[in-house]
C-alpha atoms as a PDB file:
ATOM      1  CA  MET A   1       1.492   1.115 -41.710  1.00  0.00           C
ATOM      2  CA  ALA A   2      -2.233  -0.426 -42.051  1.00  0.00           C
ATOM      3  CA  THR A   3      -3.380   1.281 -39.017  1.00  0.00           C
ATOM      4  CA  THR A   4      -1.703   4.153 -39.830  1.00  0.00           C
ATOM      5  CA  ALA A   5      -3.260   4.423 -43.341  1.00  0.00           C
ATOM      6  CA  LYS A   6      -7.002   3.306 -41.204  1.00  0.00           C
ATOM      7  CA  THR A   7      -6.698   6.350 -38.870  1.00  0.00           C
ATOM      8  CA  ALA A   8      -5.460   9.020 -41.478  1.00  0.00           C
ATOM      9  CA  MET A   9      -8.709   8.919 -43.318  1.00  0.00           C
ATOM     10  CA  ARG A  10     -10.796   9.030 -39.915  1.00  0.00           C
ATOM     11  CA  PRO A  11     -12.071  12.422 -39.009  1.00  0.00           C
ATOM     12  CA  ALA A  12     -10.269  13.769 -35.603  1.00  0.00           C
ATOM     13  CA  ASP A  13     -12.365  13.496 -32.776  1.00  0.00           C
ATOM     14  CA  THR A  14     -10.704  16.501 -31.057  1.00  0.00           C
ATOM     15  CA  GLN A  15     -12.480  19.627 -30.288  1.00  0.00           C
ATOM     16  CA  HIS A  16     -11.120  23.203 -31.976  1.00  0.00           C
ATOM     17  CA  TYR A  17     -11.236  24.697 -27.688  1.00  0.00           C
ATOM     18  CA  PRO A  18     -11.378  28.441 -28.317  1.00  0.00           C
ATOM     19  CA  ASP A  19     -14.300  28.225 -31.754  1.00  0.00           C
ATOM     20  CA  GLU A  20     -15.948  25.313 -29.736  1.00  0.00           C
ATOM     21  CA  LYS A  21     -16.799  25.509 -25.719  1.00  0.00           C
ATOM     22  CA  PRO A  22     -16.086  22.367 -24.366  1.00  0.00           C
ATOM     23  CA  ALA A  23     -19.412  20.205 -22.877  1.00  0.00           C
ATOM     24  CA  LEU A  24     -18.939  19.947 -19.201  1.00  0.00           C
ATOM     25  CA  PRO A  25     -20.218  17.741 -16.848  1.00  0.00           C
ATOM     26  CA  PRO A  26     -23.287  19.264 -14.810  1.00  0.00           C
ATOM     27  CA  ARG A  27     -20.587  19.150 -11.360  1.00  0.00           C
ATOM     28  CA  SER A  28     -17.557  20.886 -12.866  1.00  0.00           C
ATOM     29  CA  ARG A  29     -15.283  22.135 -10.894  1.00  0.00           C
ATOM     30  CA  GLY A  30     -13.340  25.428 -12.293  1.00  0.00           C
ATOM     31  CA  VAL A  31     -13.426  28.317  -9.995  1.00  0.00           C
ATOM     32  CA  ILE A  32     -14.189  29.095  -6.251  1.00  0.00           C
ATOM     33  CA  ALA A  33     -17.145  31.649  -6.136  1.00  0.00           C
ATOM     34  CA  LEU A  34     -17.302  33.295  -2.884  1.00  0.00           C
ATOM     35  CA  GLN A  35     -20.959  35.153  -1.801  1.00  0.00           C
ATOM     36  CA  ALA A  36     -19.514  37.421   0.728  1.00  0.00           C
ATOM     37  CA  ASP A  37     -22.760  38.638   2.476  1.00  0.00           C
ATOM     38  CA  ASN A  38     -23.241  34.719   4.224  1.00  0.00           C
ATOM     39  CA  CYS A  39     -19.456  34.727   5.428  1.00  0.00           C
ATOM     40  CA  THR A  40     -18.787  35.577   8.969  1.00  0.00           C
ATOM     41  CA  SER A  41     -15.119  35.545   8.478  1.00  0.00           C
ATOM     42  CA  CYS A  42     -14.948  32.340  10.909  1.00  0.00           C
ATOM     43  CA  MET A  43     -11.635  31.340   9.344  1.00  0.00           C
ATOM     44  CA  LEU A  44     -12.540  28.032   9.233  1.00  0.00           C
ATOM     45  CA  CYS A  45     -11.847  27.599   5.153  1.00  0.00           C
ATOM     46  CA  ALA A  46      -8.132  29.328   5.773  1.00  0.00           C
ATOM     47  CA  ARG A  47      -7.701  26.426   8.602  1.00  0.00           C
ATOM     48  CA  GLU A  48      -8.627  23.812   6.831  1.00  0.00           C
ATOM     49  CA  CYS A  49      -6.476  24.715   2.807  1.00  0.00           C
ATOM     50  CA  PRO A  50      -4.079  22.390   3.163  1.00  0.00           C
ATOM     51  CA  ASP A  51      -2.475  25.049   0.723  1.00  0.00           C
ATOM     52  CA  TRP A  52      -2.687  28.071   2.619  1.00  0.00           C
ATOM     53  CA  CYS A  53      -3.993  29.813  -0.227  1.00  0.00           C
ATOM     54  CA  ILE A  54      -6.651  31.832   1.440  1.00  0.00           C
ATOM     55  CA  TYR A  55      -6.280  35.296   2.706  1.00  0.00           C
ATOM     56  CA  ILE A  56      -9.014  36.441   5.038  1.00  0.00           C
ATOM     57  CA  ASP A  57      -8.897  39.834   7.031  1.00  0.00           C
ATOM     58  CA  SER A  58     -11.809  41.459   9.452  1.00  0.00           C
ATOM     59  CA  HIS A  59     -12.725  43.330  12.048  1.00  0.00           C
ATOM     60  CA  LYS A  60     -15.310  43.359  14.778  1.00  0.00           C
ATOM     61  CA  GLU A  61     -18.263  46.375  14.511  1.00  0.00           C
ATOM     62  CA  THR A  62     -20.942  46.881  17.615  1.00  0.00           C
ATOM     63  CA  ILE A  63     -24.318  46.530  16.471  1.00  0.00           C
ATOM     64  CA  PRO A  64     -26.652  48.580  18.776  1.00  0.00           C
ATOM     65  CA  PRO A  65     -29.386  46.791  20.437  1.00  0.00           C
ATOM     66  CA  ALA A  66     -32.509  45.455  18.013  1.00  0.00           C
ATOM     67  CA  THR A  67     -34.808  46.220  21.204  1.00  0.00           C
ATOM     68  CA  GLU A  68     -34.534  48.988  24.346  1.00  0.00           C
ATOM     69  CA  GLY A  69     -33.096  47.549  27.474  1.00  0.00           C
ATOM     70  CA  GLY A  70     -30.702  44.744  25.251  1.00  0.00           C
ATOM     71  CA  ARG A  71     -27.043  44.645  24.755  1.00  0.00           C
ATOM     72  CA  ALA A  72     -24.990  45.431  22.329  1.00  0.00           C
ATOM     73  CA  ARG A  73     -23.488  42.397  19.737  1.00  0.00           C
ATOM     74  CA  GLN A  74     -20.299  42.336  18.117  1.00  0.00           C
ATOM     75  CA  GLN A  75     -20.283  41.321  14.448  1.00  0.00           C
ATOM     76  CA  ASN A  76     -17.096  40.504  12.438  1.00  0.00           C
ATOM     77  CA  VAL A  77     -17.165  42.276   9.324  1.00  0.00           C
ATOM     78  CA  LEU A  78     -15.049  40.717   6.330  1.00  0.00           C
ATOM     79  CA  ASP A  79     -12.710  43.486   4.957  1.00  0.00           C
ATOM     80  CA  ARG A  80     -10.640  40.848   2.468  1.00  0.00           C
ATOM     81  CA  PHE A  81     -10.831  37.690   1.270  1.00  0.00           C
ATOM     82  CA  ALA A  82      -8.636  36.549  -1.399  1.00  0.00           C
ATOM     83  CA  ILE A  83      -7.665  33.159  -2.642  1.00  0.00           C
ATOM     84  CA  ASP A  84      -4.398  32.535  -4.558  1.00  0.00           C
ATOM     85  CA  PHE A  85      -5.401  30.120  -7.525  1.00  0.00           C
ATOM     86  CA  SER A  86      -1.671  29.522  -8.457  1.00  0.00           C
ATOM     87  CA  LEU A  87      -1.553  27.783  -4.710  1.00  0.00           C
ATOM     88  CA  CYS A  88      -4.956  26.062  -5.139  1.00  0.00           C
ATOM     89  CA  MET A  89      -5.724  22.602  -5.853  1.00  0.00           C
ATOM     90  CA  TYR A  90      -9.104  23.029  -6.198  1.00  0.00           C
ATOM     91  CA  CYS A  91      -9.495  19.932  -3.772  1.00  0.00           C
ATOM     92  CA  GLY A  92     -12.965  21.600  -2.634  1.00  0.00           C
ATOM     93  CA  ILE A  93     -11.999  21.356   1.382  1.00  0.00           C
ATOM     94  CA  CYS A  94     -12.818  24.839   1.564  1.00  0.00           C
ATOM     95  CA  ILE A  95     -16.093  24.703   0.226  1.00  0.00           C
ATOM     96  CA  GLU A  96     -17.156  21.425   2.468  1.00  0.00           C
ATOM     97  CA  VAL A  97     -16.468  23.221   5.707  1.00  0.00           C
ATOM     98  CA  CYS A  98     -18.298  26.449   5.245  1.00  0.00           C
ATOM     99  CA  PRO A  99     -20.778  26.062   7.662  1.00  0.00           C
ATOM    100  CA  PHE A 100     -22.783  29.144   6.087  1.00  0.00           C
ATOM    101  CA  ASP A 101     -22.925  28.880   2.453  1.00  0.00           C
ATOM    102  CA  ALA A 102     -20.686  31.599   1.009  1.00  0.00           C
ATOM    103  CA  LEU A 103     -18.059  29.496  -1.227  1.00  0.00           C
ATOM    104  CA  PHE A 104     -19.157  27.688  -4.127  1.00  0.00           C
ATOM    105  CA  TRP A 105     -17.905  25.975  -7.273  1.00  0.00           C
ATOM    106  CA  SER A 106     -18.480  27.608 -10.038  1.00  0.00           C
ATOM    107  CA  PRO A 107     -17.654  25.841 -13.755  1.00  0.00           C
ATOM    108  CA  GLU A 108     -16.279  28.806 -15.393  1.00  0.00           C
ATOM    109  CA  PHE A 109     -12.623  27.623 -16.523  1.00  0.00           C
ATOM    110  CA  GLU A 110     -11.259  30.345 -18.906  1.00  0.00           C
ATOM    111  CA  TYR A 111      -9.363  32.679 -16.128  1.00  0.00           C
ATOM    112  CA  ALA A 112      -6.185  32.103 -17.438  1.00  0.00           C
ATOM    113  CA  GLU A 113      -3.245  35.317 -16.710  1.00  0.00           C
ATOM    114  CA  THR A 114       0.212  35.930 -18.011  1.00  0.00           C
ATOM    115  CA  ASP A 115       1.563  36.951 -14.927  1.00  0.00           C
ATOM    116  CA  ILE A 116       1.146  34.566 -12.485  1.00  0.00           C
ATOM    117  CA  ARG A 117       0.690  37.556  -9.869  1.00  0.00           C
ATOM    118  CA  ASP A 118      -2.946  38.073 -11.634  1.00  0.00           C
ATOM    119  CA  LEU A 119      -3.831  34.837 -10.006  1.00  0.00           C
ATOM    120  CA  LEU A 120      -5.027  36.425  -6.675  1.00  0.00           C
ATOM    121  CA  HIS A 121      -8.143  36.895  -6.651  1.00  0.00           C
ATOM    122  CA  GLU A 122      -9.546  39.247  -4.050  1.00  0.00           C
ATOM    123  CA  LYS A 123     -13.419  39.571  -2.904  1.00  0.00           C
ATOM    124  CA  ASP A 124     -15.137  41.131  -5.441  1.00  0.00           C
ATOM    125  CA  ARG A 125     -13.796  38.767  -8.515  1.00  0.00           C
ATOM    126  CA  LEU A 126     -14.851  36.071  -6.197  1.00  0.00           C
ATOM    127  CA  GLY A 127     -18.432  37.450  -6.337  1.00  0.00           C
ATOM    128  CA  GLU A 128     -18.187  37.894  -9.362  1.00  0.00           C
ATOM    129  CA  TRP A 129     -18.236  34.059 -10.359  1.00  0.00           C
ATOM    130  CA  MET A 130     -21.291  33.837  -8.262  1.00  0.00           C
ATOM    131  CA  ALA A 131     -23.901  34.616 -11.918  1.00  0.00           C
ATOM    132  CA  THR A 132     -21.948  31.617 -13.165  1.00  0.00           C
ATOM    133  CA  VAL A 133     -22.998  29.205  -9.938  1.00  0.00           C
ATOM    134  CA  PRO A 134     -25.753  26.645 -11.125  1.00  0.00           C
ATOM    135  CA  PRO A 135     -28.503  26.339  -8.955  1.00  0.00           C
ATOM    136  CA  PRO A 136     -28.576  23.239  -6.583  1.00  0.00           C
ATOM    137  CA  ALA A 137     -29.719  20.085  -7.817  1.00  0.00           C
ATOM    138  CA  ALA A 138     -33.295  18.667  -7.359  1.00  0.00           C
ATOM    139  CA  ILE A 139     -34.170  16.824  -4.415  1.00  0.00           C
ATOM    140  CA  ASP A 140     -34.587  13.402  -5.750  1.00  0.00           C
ATOM    141  CA  PRO A 141     -38.514  12.650  -5.961  1.00  0.00           C
ATOM    142  CA  GLY A 142     -38.104   8.981  -4.086  1.00  0.00           C
ATOM    143  CA  ALA A 143     -36.333  10.537  -1.455  1.00  0.00           C
ATOM    144  CA  ASP A 144     -38.096  10.500   1.871  1.00  0.00           C
ATOM    145  CA  LEU A 145     -38.068  14.053   3.675  1.00  0.00           C
ATOM    146  CA  THR A 146     -39.414  12.826   6.728  1.00  0.00           C
ATOM    147  CA  LYS A 147     -36.025  11.261   7.851  1.00  0.00           C
ATOM    148  CA  THR A 148     -33.390  12.906   9.507  1.00  0.00           C
ATOM    149  CA  ASP A 149     -29.481  11.782   9.418  1.00  0.00           C
ATOM    150  CA  GLY A 150     -29.184  12.026  13.427  1.00  0.00           C
ATOM    151  CA  PRO A 151     -29.556  10.123  16.449  1.00  0.00           C
ATOM    152  CA  GLU A 152     -32.804  11.225  16.100  1.00  0.00           C
ATOM    153  CA  ALA A 153     -34.192   8.963  13.247  1.00  0.00           C
ATOM    154  CA  ASP A 154     -32.638   5.755  15.311  1.00  0.00           C
ATOM    155  CA  SER A 155     -35.066   6.539  17.727  1.00  0.00           C
END
């Protein structure tokens, strides 16, 4: 009874969530944002996803040569990029394997839906989250920028 009486008189440590927004850590994982201009439809993110919740459709377009006498090139054009957040386990593998910096973590976490089918976010909705992506962390002042992390650094 003494413990109950002692804790009953203290103010609560809880946050009143809808009225008070929580202070999130700097690298919080909320929702995955897409920079569609950077996506080349290489499909690495979809292949590496353990939940298979990323859907990508694209087609090839022929680009005329930039200079006279050059040859025409083919380029993938992104038609559809969707993530089903009802299946996603927020592991971040898709973001890590993307070689073109097309996927980013956004700290936004308020995207709950009443219908599970609305958790399938298409390319336009994923692009809207890019406005909430924080800038990259500053370079450590003590970092040596002349060294590289490769075989060249050993020689």
